[in-house]
Amino acid sequence: MDLLYTIPPLAVLIPLALLYIIFRVITYKNKRVTLLEILFSGYSLGVIYFVFLPIELTFGVHRNQAPWYSSINFIPILTIDMTSFILNIILFIPLGAFLWLAPRTVYSLKQAIRTGLSVSFGIELMQLIIKLLLGSSRSIDINDLIANTIGCVVGYFLIKQAIKFKPFASLLKWLLPINHRLYKKL
């Protein structure tokens, strides 16, 4: 007999948020939290919500079920589900924007591609690990790597172009701390 149990999203997101707050307090004792950091933290929790949660655990013997590796798609482009592909692009657009706005660094297109690909690969790897260890129903797809990387690059270009418009630059200046590398340029 199989047993199915679902871990609700809040049971994961609340402990993660609390761990982040504890980590933040310990490592940055005298630094103020910026609005940009709060937005990035919220975005990160949102990504975790959409790509991992809820986690469905399956216990018991699985008769007539395909092997775990059958849920891995290694064939790029030809097997694209357009809805999922577009949603993955949209999901990673903020990451590309946040990269460009990151303090103390200047990001290039090559770094945006590398970061988008690395973060996406990490997500797919975690989905595989959760599938193997907990019996989750998530699939692993090469097209997700492609879409997420495209989304990161699109976000990088969008924010780079958007700061050329005065209203957006003014809003961004309000979000950034005074000592941010872009503050004086806006």
N, C-alpha and C. Protein backbone atom coordinates (compact mmCIF):
# COMPACT_ATOMS: atom_id res chain seq x y z
N MET A 1 0.83 -1.18 0.00
CA MET A 1 0.00 0.00 0.00
C MET A 1 0.88 1.25 0.00
N ASP A 2 0.56 2.16 -0.89
CA ASP A 2 1.31 3.41 -0.97
C ASP A 2 0.69 4.45 -0.04
N LEU A 3 1.54 5.28 0.49
CA LEU A 3 1.08 6.36 1.35
C LEU A 3 1.62 7.67 0.79
N LEU A 4 0.75 8.65 0.61
CA LEU A 4 1.13 9.94 0.07
C LEU A 4 0.96 11.01 1.14
N TYR A 5 2.01 11.80 1.36
CA TYR A 5 1.95 12.89 2.32
C TYR A 5 2.48 14.14 1.64
N THR A 6 1.82 15.25 1.84
CA THR A 6 2.24 16.52 1.24
C THR A 6 2.73 17.46 2.33
N ILE A 7 3.96 17.97 2.15
CA ILE A 7 4.49 18.97 3.06
C ILE A 7 3.98 20.33 2.58
N PRO A 8 3.20 21.02 3.41
CA PRO A 8 2.64 22.30 2.98
C PRO A 8 3.73 23.37 2.82
N PRO A 9 3.53 24.31 1.90
CA PRO A 9 4.54 25.34 1.63
C PRO A 9 4.98 26.14 2.86
N LEU A 10 4.05 26.53 3.71
CA LEU A 10 4.42 27.34 4.87
C LEU A 10 5.32 26.59 5.85
N ALA A 11 5.21 25.26 5.87
CA ALA A 11 6.06 24.46 6.75
C ALA A 11 7.52 24.51 6.31
N VAL A 12 7.75 24.90 5.09
CA VAL A 12 9.11 25.05 4.57
C VAL A 12 9.53 26.52 4.54
N LEU A 13 8.65 27.39 4.06
CA LEU A 13 9.01 28.80 3.86
C LEU A 13 9.24 29.54 5.17
N ILE A 14 8.43 29.30 6.19
CA ILE A 14 8.61 30.00 7.47
C ILE A 14 9.94 29.65 8.13
N PRO A 15 10.31 28.36 8.24
CA PRO A 15 11.64 28.06 8.80
C PRO A 15 12.78 28.64 7.97
N LEU A 16 12.66 28.62 6.63
CA LEU A 16 13.71 29.21 5.79
C LEU A 16 13.84 30.71 6.03
N ALA A 17 12.71 31.40 6.13
CA ALA A 17 12.75 32.84 6.40
C ALA A 17 13.37 33.12 7.76
N LEU A 18 13.03 32.33 8.76
CA LEU A 18 13.61 32.52 10.10
C LEU A 18 15.12 32.23 10.10
N LEU A 19 15.53 31.19 9.38
CA LEU A 19 16.97 30.90 9.28
C LEU A 19 17.72 32.05 8.61
N TYR A 20 17.11 32.61 7.55
CA TYR A 20 17.74 33.74 6.88
C TYR A 20 17.87 34.93 7.83
N ILE A 21 16.82 35.22 8.59
CA ILE A 21 16.86 36.35 9.52
C ILE A 21 17.96 36.14 10.56
N ILE A 22 18.06 34.93 11.09
CA ILE A 22 19.11 34.63 12.07
C ILE A 22 20.48 34.79 11.44
N PHE A 23 20.66 34.25 10.23
CA PHE A 23 21.93 34.38 9.52
C PHE A 23 22.27 35.85 9.28
N ARG A 24 21.29 36.62 8.87
CA ARG A 24 21.48 38.05 8.59
C ARG A 24 21.90 38.81 9.83
N VAL A 25 21.26 38.51 10.96
CA VAL A 25 21.58 39.19 12.22
C VAL A 25 22.99 38.83 12.67
N ILE A 26 23.37 37.58 12.55
CA ILE A 26 24.70 37.13 13.00
C ILE A 26 25.81 37.70 12.12
N THR A 27 25.62 37.68 10.80
CA THR A 27 26.70 38.08 9.90
C THR A 27 26.80 39.58 9.64
N TYR A 28 25.68 40.30 9.75
CA TYR A 28 25.69 41.73 9.46
C TYR A 28 25.16 42.50 10.66
N LYS A 29 25.84 42.40 11.78
CA LYS A 29 25.34 42.99 13.03
C LYS A 29 25.07 44.48 12.94
N ASN A 30 25.95 45.23 12.33
CA ASN A 30 25.82 46.69 12.34
C ASN A 30 25.33 47.28 11.03
N LYS A 31 24.93 46.44 10.08
CA LYS A 31 24.47 46.96 8.79
C LYS A 31 22.95 46.97 8.74
N ARG A 32 22.39 48.03 8.18
CA ARG A 32 20.95 48.12 8.01
C ARG A 32 20.49 47.26 6.85
N VAL A 33 19.30 46.77 6.95
CA VAL A 33 18.69 46.01 5.87
C VAL A 33 18.17 47.00 4.83
N THR A 34 18.52 46.77 3.58
CA THR A 34 18.04 47.66 2.51
C THR A 34 16.75 47.12 1.93
N LEU A 35 16.00 47.99 1.31
CA LEU A 35 14.77 47.58 0.66
C LEU A 35 15.06 46.60 -0.48
N LEU A 36 16.18 46.80 -1.16
CA LEU A 36 16.58 45.91 -2.23
C LEU A 36 16.83 44.50 -1.68
N GLU A 37 17.45 44.40 -0.52
CA GLU A 37 17.70 43.11 0.11
C GLU A 37 16.39 42.43 0.51
N ILE A 38 15.44 43.18 1.02
CA ILE A 38 14.14 42.63 1.38
C ILE A 38 13.43 42.11 0.13
N LEU A 39 13.48 42.89 -0.96
CA LEU A 39 12.85 42.46 -2.21
C LEU A 39 13.50 41.19 -2.75
N PHE A 40 14.83 41.12 -2.68
CA PHE A 40 15.53 39.93 -3.15
C PHE A 40 15.20 38.71 -2.28
N SER A 41 15.09 38.90 -0.99
CA SER A 41 14.73 37.80 -0.09
C SER A 41 13.33 37.30 -0.40
N GLY A 42 12.40 38.21 -0.62
CA GLY A 42 11.04 37.82 -0.99
C GLY A 42 11.01 37.09 -2.32
N TYR A 43 11.79 37.58 -3.28
CA TYR A 43 11.89 36.92 -4.59
C TYR A 43 12.44 35.51 -4.44
N SER A 44 13.48 35.35 -3.62
CA SER A 44 14.09 34.03 -3.41
C SER A 44 13.09 33.05 -2.80
N LEU A 45 12.32 33.50 -1.82
CA LEU A 45 11.29 32.63 -1.23
C LEU A 45 10.22 32.28 -2.26
N GLY A 46 9.90 33.24 -3.12
CA GLY A 46 8.93 32.97 -4.18
C GLY A 46 9.43 31.91 -5.16
N VAL A 47 10.71 31.99 -5.51
CA VAL A 47 11.29 30.99 -6.41
C VAL A 47 11.24 29.61 -5.75
N ILE A 48 11.61 29.56 -4.48
CA ILE A 48 11.55 28.28 -3.75
C ILE A 48 10.13 27.74 -3.76
N TYR A 49 9.17 28.62 -3.54
CA TYR A 49 7.76 28.20 -3.54
C TYR A 49 7.37 27.60 -4.89
N PHE A 50 7.70 28.28 -5.97
CA PHE A 50 7.26 27.83 -7.29
C PHE A 50 7.99 26.60 -7.81
N VAL A 51 9.27 26.42 -7.46
CA VAL A 51 10.00 25.30 -8.05
C VAL A 51 10.06 24.06 -7.16
N PHE A 52 9.80 24.19 -5.87
CA PHE A 52 9.91 23.03 -4.99
C PHE A 52 8.62 22.64 -4.27
N LEU A 53 7.73 23.58 -4.07
CA LEU A 53 6.62 23.34 -3.15
C LEU A 53 5.28 23.20 -3.86
N PRO A 54 4.35 22.50 -3.31
CA PRO A 54 4.48 21.65 -2.13
C PRO A 54 5.27 20.39 -2.48
N ILE A 55 5.91 19.81 -1.48
CA ILE A 55 6.67 18.57 -1.67
C ILE A 55 5.75 17.41 -1.34
N GLU A 56 5.59 16.55 -2.31
CA GLU A 56 4.76 15.36 -2.11
C GLU A 56 5.67 14.17 -1.83
N LEU A 57 5.47 13.55 -0.69
CA LEU A 57 6.26 12.39 -0.29
C LEU A 57 5.44 11.13 -0.54
N THR A 58 6.08 10.14 -1.14
CA THR A 58 5.40 8.88 -1.40
C THR A 58 6.13 7.78 -0.66
N PHE A 59 5.40 7.05 0.16
CA PHE A 59 5.98 5.94 0.91
C PHE A 59 5.31 4.65 0.47
N GLY A 60 6.07 3.59 0.42
CA GLY A 60 5.49 2.30 0.09
C GLY A 60 6.04 1.76 -1.21
N VAL A 61 5.52 0.64 -1.62
CA VAL A 61 5.95 -0.02 -2.84
C VAL A 61 5.21 0.60 -4.02
N HIS A 62 5.94 0.93 -5.05
CA HIS A 62 5.33 1.55 -6.23
C HIS A 62 5.31 0.53 -7.35
N ARG A 63 4.19 -0.11 -7.53
CA ARG A 63 4.07 -1.10 -8.59
C ARG A 63 3.67 -0.39 -9.88
N ASN A 64 4.19 -0.88 -10.96
CA ASN A 64 3.87 -0.35 -12.30
C ASN A 64 4.22 1.14 -12.43
N GLN A 65 5.22 1.56 -11.71
CA GLN A 65 5.63 2.96 -11.81
C GLN A 65 6.95 3.03 -12.58
N ALA A 66 7.09 4.04 -13.41
CA ALA A 66 8.30 4.20 -14.22
C ALA A 66 9.50 4.48 -13.31
N PRO A 67 10.70 4.10 -13.75
CA PRO A 67 11.90 4.38 -12.94
C PRO A 67 12.13 5.88 -12.80
N TRP A 68 12.89 6.27 -11.77
CA TRP A 68 13.10 7.68 -11.46
C TRP A 68 13.71 8.45 -12.62
N TYR A 69 14.59 7.83 -13.38
CA TYR A 69 15.28 8.53 -14.45
C TYR A 69 14.37 8.82 -15.65
N SER A 70 13.19 8.24 -15.66
CA SER A 70 12.27 8.51 -16.77
C SER A 70 11.67 9.92 -16.68
N SER A 71 11.82 10.57 -15.53
CA SER A 71 11.29 11.93 -15.39
C SER A 71 12.35 13.00 -15.69
N ILE A 72 13.48 12.57 -16.25
CA ILE A 72 14.52 13.51 -16.63
C ILE A 72 14.47 13.69 -18.14
N ASN A 73 14.36 14.94 -18.58
CA ASN A 73 14.32 15.24 -20.01
C ASN A 73 15.68 15.79 -20.42
N PHE A 74 16.41 15.02 -21.23
CA PHE A 74 17.72 15.44 -21.71
C PHE A 74 17.66 16.05 -23.11
N ILE A 75 16.48 16.05 -23.73
CA ILE A 75 16.35 16.51 -25.11
C ILE A 75 15.94 17.99 -25.12
N PRO A 76 16.85 18.87 -25.54
CA PRO A 76 16.51 20.30 -25.56
C PRO A 76 15.67 20.69 -26.77
N ILE A 77 14.96 21.78 -26.63
CA ILE A 77 14.18 22.45 -27.66
C ILE A 77 13.04 21.60 -28.24
N LEU A 78 13.29 20.41 -28.73
CA LEU A 78 12.26 19.60 -29.38
C LEU A 78 11.12 19.21 -28.43
N THR A 79 11.40 19.20 -27.14
CA THR A 79 10.41 18.73 -26.16
C THR A 79 9.86 19.87 -25.31
N ILE A 80 9.95 21.10 -25.81
CA ILE A 80 9.52 22.26 -25.03
C ILE A 80 8.01 22.28 -24.84
N ASP A 81 7.61 22.49 -23.60
CA ASP A 81 6.22 22.84 -23.27
C ASP A 81 6.24 24.36 -23.18
N MET A 82 5.64 25.03 -24.16
CA MET A 82 5.77 26.49 -24.27
C MET A 82 5.28 27.24 -23.04
N THR A 83 4.21 26.80 -22.43
CA THR A 83 3.70 27.48 -21.23
C THR A 83 4.74 27.43 -20.12
N SER A 84 5.26 26.25 -19.86
CA SER A 84 6.28 26.09 -18.82
C SER A 84 7.55 26.87 -19.18
N PHE A 85 7.93 26.86 -20.44
CA PHE A 85 9.12 27.56 -20.90
C PHE A 85 9.00 29.06 -20.65
N ILE A 86 7.88 29.63 -21.02
CA ILE A 86 7.65 31.08 -20.84
C ILE A 86 7.58 31.43 -19.35
N LEU A 87 6.91 30.60 -18.56
CA LEU A 87 6.85 30.86 -17.11
C LEU A 87 8.23 30.79 -16.46
N ASN A 88 9.08 29.88 -16.93
CA ASN A 88 10.45 29.82 -16.40
C ASN A 88 11.26 31.05 -16.78
N ILE A 89 11.04 31.56 -17.99
CA ILE A 89 11.72 32.80 -18.38
C ILE A 89 11.28 33.93 -17.46
N ILE A 90 9.98 34.07 -17.26
CA ILE A 90 9.44 35.13 -16.39
C ILE A 90 9.96 35.00 -14.97
N LEU A 91 10.06 33.76 -14.48
CA LEU A 91 10.53 33.52 -13.11
C LEU A 91 11.96 34.03 -12.89
N PHE A 92 12.79 33.98 -13.91
CA PHE A 92 14.20 34.35 -13.74
C PHE A 92 14.53 35.77 -14.19
N ILE A 93 13.58 36.50 -14.74
CA ILE A 93 13.84 37.90 -15.12
C ILE A 93 14.26 38.74 -13.90
N PRO A 94 13.60 38.62 -12.75
CA PRO A 94 14.05 39.40 -11.59
C PRO A 94 15.47 39.06 -11.15
N LEU A 95 15.90 37.81 -11.30
CA LEU A 95 17.27 37.45 -10.92
C LEU A 95 18.27 38.24 -11.74
N GLY A 96 18.05 38.35 -13.03
CA GLY A 96 18.95 39.13 -13.88
C GLY A 96 18.98 40.59 -13.48
N ALA A 97 17.83 41.13 -13.10
CA ALA A 97 17.76 42.53 -12.66
C ALA A 97 18.48 42.69 -11.32
N PHE A 98 18.25 41.78 -10.40
CA PHE A 98 18.93 41.87 -9.10
C PHE A 98 20.44 41.73 -9.24
N LEU A 99 20.89 40.91 -10.19
CA LEU A 99 22.33 40.77 -10.42
C LEU A 99 22.95 42.11 -10.82
N TRP A 100 22.26 42.79 -11.71
CA TRP A 100 22.79 44.07 -12.19
C TRP A 100 22.79 45.10 -11.07
N LEU A 101 21.84 44.98 -10.14
CA LEU A 101 21.74 45.93 -9.04
C LEU A 101 22.56 45.53 -7.81
N ALA A 102 23.19 44.37 -7.86
CA ALA A 102 23.94 43.88 -6.70
C ALA A 102 25.02 44.89 -6.29
N PRO A 103 25.17 45.12 -5.00
CA PRO A 103 26.18 46.07 -4.54
C PRO A 103 27.59 45.52 -4.72
N ARG A 104 28.53 46.42 -4.85
CA ARG A 104 29.96 46.13 -4.88
C ARG A 104 30.43 45.28 -6.06
N THR A 105 29.62 45.07 -7.04
CA THR A 105 30.07 44.30 -8.21
C THR A 105 29.46 44.89 -9.48
N VAL A 106 30.16 44.69 -10.56
CA VAL A 106 29.63 45.07 -11.86
C VAL A 106 29.47 43.77 -12.62
N TYR A 107 28.25 43.50 -13.07
CA TYR A 107 27.99 42.26 -13.77
C TYR A 107 28.02 42.47 -15.27
N SER A 108 28.62 41.51 -15.94
CA SER A 108 28.64 41.53 -17.40
C SER A 108 27.60 40.53 -17.91
N LEU A 109 27.38 40.55 -19.19
CA LEU A 109 26.46 39.61 -19.80
C LEU A 109 26.93 38.18 -19.55
N LYS A 110 28.22 37.95 -19.68
CA LYS A 110 28.77 36.61 -19.45
C LYS A 110 28.49 36.14 -18.01
N GLN A 111 28.62 37.04 -17.05
CA GLN A 111 28.34 36.67 -15.66
C GLN A 111 26.85 36.43 -15.45
N ALA A 112 25.99 37.16 -16.13
CA ALA A 112 24.54 36.94 -16.03
C ALA A 112 24.19 35.56 -16.58
N ILE A 113 24.79 35.20 -17.71
CA ILE A 113 24.54 33.88 -18.29
C ILE A 113 25.03 32.80 -17.34
N ARG A 114 26.24 32.96 -16.84
CA ARG A 114 26.82 31.97 -15.93
C ARG A 114 25.99 31.82 -14.65
N THR A 115 25.55 32.94 -14.09
CA THR A 115 24.76 32.89 -12.87
C THR A 115 23.39 32.26 -13.12
N GLY A 116 22.72 32.66 -14.19
CA GLY A 116 21.43 32.08 -14.52
C GLY A 116 21.52 30.58 -14.73
N LEU A 117 22.54 30.15 -15.44
CA LEU A 117 22.75 28.72 -15.69
C LEU A 117 23.08 27.99 -14.39
N SER A 118 23.94 28.56 -13.57
CA SER A 118 24.34 27.92 -12.30
C SER A 118 23.17 27.79 -11.33
N VAL A 119 22.41 28.86 -11.17
CA VAL A 119 21.26 28.81 -10.25
C VAL A 119 20.23 27.82 -10.77
N SER A 120 19.98 27.84 -12.07
CA SER A 120 19.02 26.91 -12.66
C SER A 120 19.49 25.46 -12.50
N PHE A 121 20.77 25.23 -12.72
CA PHE A 121 21.31 23.87 -12.56
C PHE A 121 21.18 23.42 -11.10
N GLY A 122 21.44 24.34 -10.18
CA GLY A 122 21.28 24.02 -8.76
C GLY A 122 19.84 23.64 -8.42
N ILE A 123 18.90 24.35 -8.98
CA ILE A 123 17.48 24.05 -8.76
C ILE A 123 17.14 22.67 -9.31
N GLU A 124 17.56 22.38 -10.53
CA GLU A 124 17.26 21.08 -11.14
C GLU A 124 17.93 19.95 -10.35
N LEU A 125 19.14 20.19 -9.88
CA LEU A 125 19.83 19.19 -9.06
C LEU A 125 19.09 18.94 -7.75
N MET A 126 18.64 20.01 -7.11
CA MET A 126 17.87 19.86 -5.86
C MET A 126 16.55 19.13 -6.12
N GLN A 127 15.91 19.41 -7.24
CA GLN A 127 14.68 18.69 -7.57
C GLN A 127 14.95 17.19 -7.75
N LEU A 128 16.09 16.87 -8.36
CA LEU A 128 16.46 15.46 -8.53
C LEU A 128 16.73 14.82 -7.17
N ILE A 129 17.45 15.50 -6.32
CA ILE A 129 17.76 14.96 -4.98
C ILE A 129 16.47 14.75 -4.18
N ILE A 130 15.58 15.73 -4.22
CA ILE A 130 14.30 15.60 -3.51
C ILE A 130 13.50 14.44 -4.09
N LYS A 131 13.55 14.27 -5.40
CA LYS A 131 12.83 13.16 -6.05
C LYS A 131 13.41 11.82 -5.58
N LEU A 132 14.74 11.72 -5.55
CA LEU A 132 15.37 10.46 -5.17
C LEU A 132 15.18 10.14 -3.69
N LEU A 133 15.31 11.14 -2.84
CA LEU A 133 15.23 10.90 -1.40
C LEU A 133 13.81 10.84 -0.85
N LEU A 134 12.93 11.65 -1.41
CA LEU A 134 11.60 11.78 -0.83
C LEU A 134 10.47 11.30 -1.74
N GLY A 135 10.82 10.92 -2.95
CA GLY A 135 9.79 10.43 -3.86
C GLY A 135 8.91 11.52 -4.44
N SER A 136 9.44 12.73 -4.56
CA SER A 136 8.67 13.85 -5.09
C SER A 136 8.29 13.59 -6.54
N SER A 137 7.25 14.28 -7.01
CA SER A 137 6.79 14.08 -8.38
C SER A 137 7.36 15.10 -9.36
N ARG A 138 8.31 15.91 -8.93
CA ARG A 138 8.91 16.92 -9.82
C ARG A 138 9.73 16.26 -10.91
N SER A 139 9.76 16.92 -12.08
CA SER A 139 10.57 16.40 -13.18
C SER A 139 11.78 17.32 -13.38
N ILE A 140 12.79 16.77 -14.01
CA ILE A 140 14.02 17.50 -14.27
C ILE A 140 14.09 17.69 -15.79
N ASP A 141 14.32 18.94 -16.24
CA ASP A 141 14.19 19.23 -17.66
C ASP A 141 15.30 20.17 -18.14
N ILE A 142 15.97 19.77 -19.20
CA ILE A 142 17.03 20.60 -19.79
C ILE A 142 16.46 21.92 -20.31
N ASN A 143 15.20 21.91 -20.72
CA ASN A 143 14.57 23.12 -21.22
C ASN A 143 14.40 24.17 -20.12
N ASP A 144 14.27 23.72 -18.88
CA ASP A 144 14.22 24.66 -17.75
C ASP A 144 15.54 25.42 -17.62
N LEU A 145 16.66 24.72 -17.82
CA LEU A 145 17.97 25.39 -17.79
C LEU A 145 18.05 26.48 -18.85
N ILE A 146 17.58 26.15 -20.03
CA ILE A 146 17.62 27.11 -21.15
C ILE A 146 16.71 28.30 -20.85
N ALA A 147 15.47 28.03 -20.44
CA ALA A 147 14.51 29.11 -20.18
C ALA A 147 14.97 30.00 -19.03
N ASN A 148 15.46 29.41 -17.97
CA ASN A 148 15.90 30.19 -16.81
C ASN A 148 17.09 31.08 -17.17
N THR A 149 18.00 30.56 -17.95
CA THR A 149 19.16 31.35 -18.36
C THR A 149 18.71 32.51 -19.26
N ILE A 150 17.79 32.24 -20.17
CA ILE A 150 17.24 33.30 -21.03
C ILE A 150 16.58 34.37 -20.15
N GLY A 151 15.79 33.95 -19.17
CA GLY A 151 15.13 34.89 -18.27
C GLY A 151 16.11 35.77 -17.52
N CYS A 152 17.21 35.18 -17.05
CA CYS A 152 18.22 35.96 -16.34
C CYS A 152 18.86 37.01 -17.26
N VAL A 153 19.13 36.63 -18.49
CA VAL A 153 19.72 37.56 -19.46
C VAL A 153 18.72 38.67 -19.81
N VAL A 154 17.46 38.31 -20.00
CA VAL A 154 16.43 39.31 -20.30
C VAL A 154 16.33 40.32 -19.14
N GLY A 155 16.31 39.82 -17.91
CA GLY A 155 16.26 40.72 -16.75
C GLY A 155 17.46 41.64 -16.67
N TYR A 156 18.62 41.10 -16.98
CA TYR A 156 19.85 41.89 -17.00
C TYR A 156 19.73 43.04 -18.00
N PHE A 157 19.27 42.74 -19.22
CA PHE A 157 19.13 43.77 -20.24
C PHE A 157 18.01 44.75 -19.92
N LEU A 158 16.90 44.26 -19.39
CA LEU A 158 15.77 45.14 -19.07
C LEU A 158 16.16 46.20 -18.04
N ILE A 159 16.81 45.79 -16.98
CA ILE A 159 17.18 46.76 -15.93
C ILE A 159 18.25 47.71 -16.45
N LYS A 160 19.13 47.20 -17.27
CA LYS A 160 20.20 48.05 -17.84
C LYS A 160 19.60 49.14 -18.73
N GLN A 161 18.56 48.80 -19.48
CA GLN A 161 17.90 49.77 -20.34
C GLN A 161 16.94 50.66 -19.55
N ALA A 162 16.28 50.09 -18.56
CA ALA A 162 15.27 50.83 -17.80
C ALA A 162 15.85 52.00 -17.02
N ILE A 163 17.10 51.89 -16.56
CA ILE A 163 17.67 52.99 -15.78
C ILE A 163 17.94 54.23 -16.63
N LYS A 164 17.84 54.10 -17.92
CA LYS A 164 18.02 55.26 -18.80
C LYS A 164 16.80 56.18 -18.78
N PHE A 165 15.67 55.67 -18.29
CA PHE A 165 14.45 56.46 -18.19
C PHE A 165 14.38 57.12 -16.83
N LYS A 166 14.22 58.45 -16.81
CA LYS A 166 14.25 59.24 -15.57
C LYS A 166 13.29 58.74 -14.48
N PRO A 167 12.01 58.47 -14.80
CA PRO A 167 11.10 58.03 -13.73
C PRO A 167 11.57 56.73 -13.06
N PHE A 168 12.05 55.80 -13.88
CA PHE A 168 12.53 54.55 -13.31
C PHE A 168 13.81 54.76 -12.52
N ALA A 169 14.71 55.59 -13.03
CA ALA A 169 15.96 55.88 -12.33
C ALA A 169 15.68 56.53 -10.98
N SER A 170 14.68 57.41 -10.92
CA SER A 170 14.31 58.05 -9.65
C SER A 170 13.78 57.02 -8.65
N LEU A 171 12.95 56.12 -9.13
CA LEU A 171 12.42 55.06 -8.27
C LEU A 171 13.55 54.17 -7.77
N LEU A 172 14.46 53.83 -8.65
CA LEU A 172 15.58 52.97 -8.29
C LEU A 172 16.49 53.66 -7.29
N LYS A 173 16.68 54.94 -7.45
CA LYS A 173 17.51 55.69 -6.51
C LYS A 173 16.90 55.66 -5.12
N TRP A 174 15.58 55.66 -5.06
CA TRP A 174 14.88 55.59 -3.78
C TRP A 174 15.09 54.22 -3.12
N LEU A 175 15.23 53.16 -3.95
CA LEU A 175 15.41 51.80 -3.43
C LEU A 175 16.84 51.51 -2.97
N LEU A 176 17.80 52.15 -3.61
CA LEU A 176 19.20 51.84 -3.35
C LEU A 176 19.75 52.60 -2.14
N PRO A 177 20.66 51.99 -1.40
CA PRO A 177 21.33 52.73 -0.34
C PRO A 177 22.27 53.79 -0.93
N ILE A 178 22.56 54.81 -0.17
CA ILE A 178 23.38 55.93 -0.67
C ILE A 178 24.76 55.47 -1.10
N ASN A 179 25.32 54.47 -0.44
CA ASN A 179 26.68 54.03 -0.77
C ASN A 179 26.71 52.99 -1.90
N HIS A 180 25.60 52.74 -2.56
CA HIS A 180 25.56 51.78 -3.66
C HIS A 180 26.32 52.34 -4.85
N ARG A 181 26.97 51.47 -5.60
CA ARG A 181 27.81 51.90 -6.72
C ARG A 181 27.03 52.64 -7.81
N LEU A 182 25.73 52.40 -7.91
CA LEU A 182 24.92 53.05 -8.95
C LEU A 182 24.25 54.34 -8.49
N TYR A 183 24.22 54.60 -7.20
CA TYR A 183 23.44 55.69 -6.66
C TYR A 183 23.81 57.03 -7.30
N LYS A 184 25.08 57.32 -7.43
CA LYS A 184 25.52 58.60 -7.96
C LYS A 184 25.32 58.71 -9.48
N LYS A 185 25.25 57.55 -10.15
CA LYS A 185 25.08 57.53 -11.60
C LYS A 185 23.63 57.79 -12.00
N LEU A 186 22.69 57.59 -11.07
CA LEU A 186 21.27 57.73 -11.42
C LEU A 186 20.80 59.16 -11.40
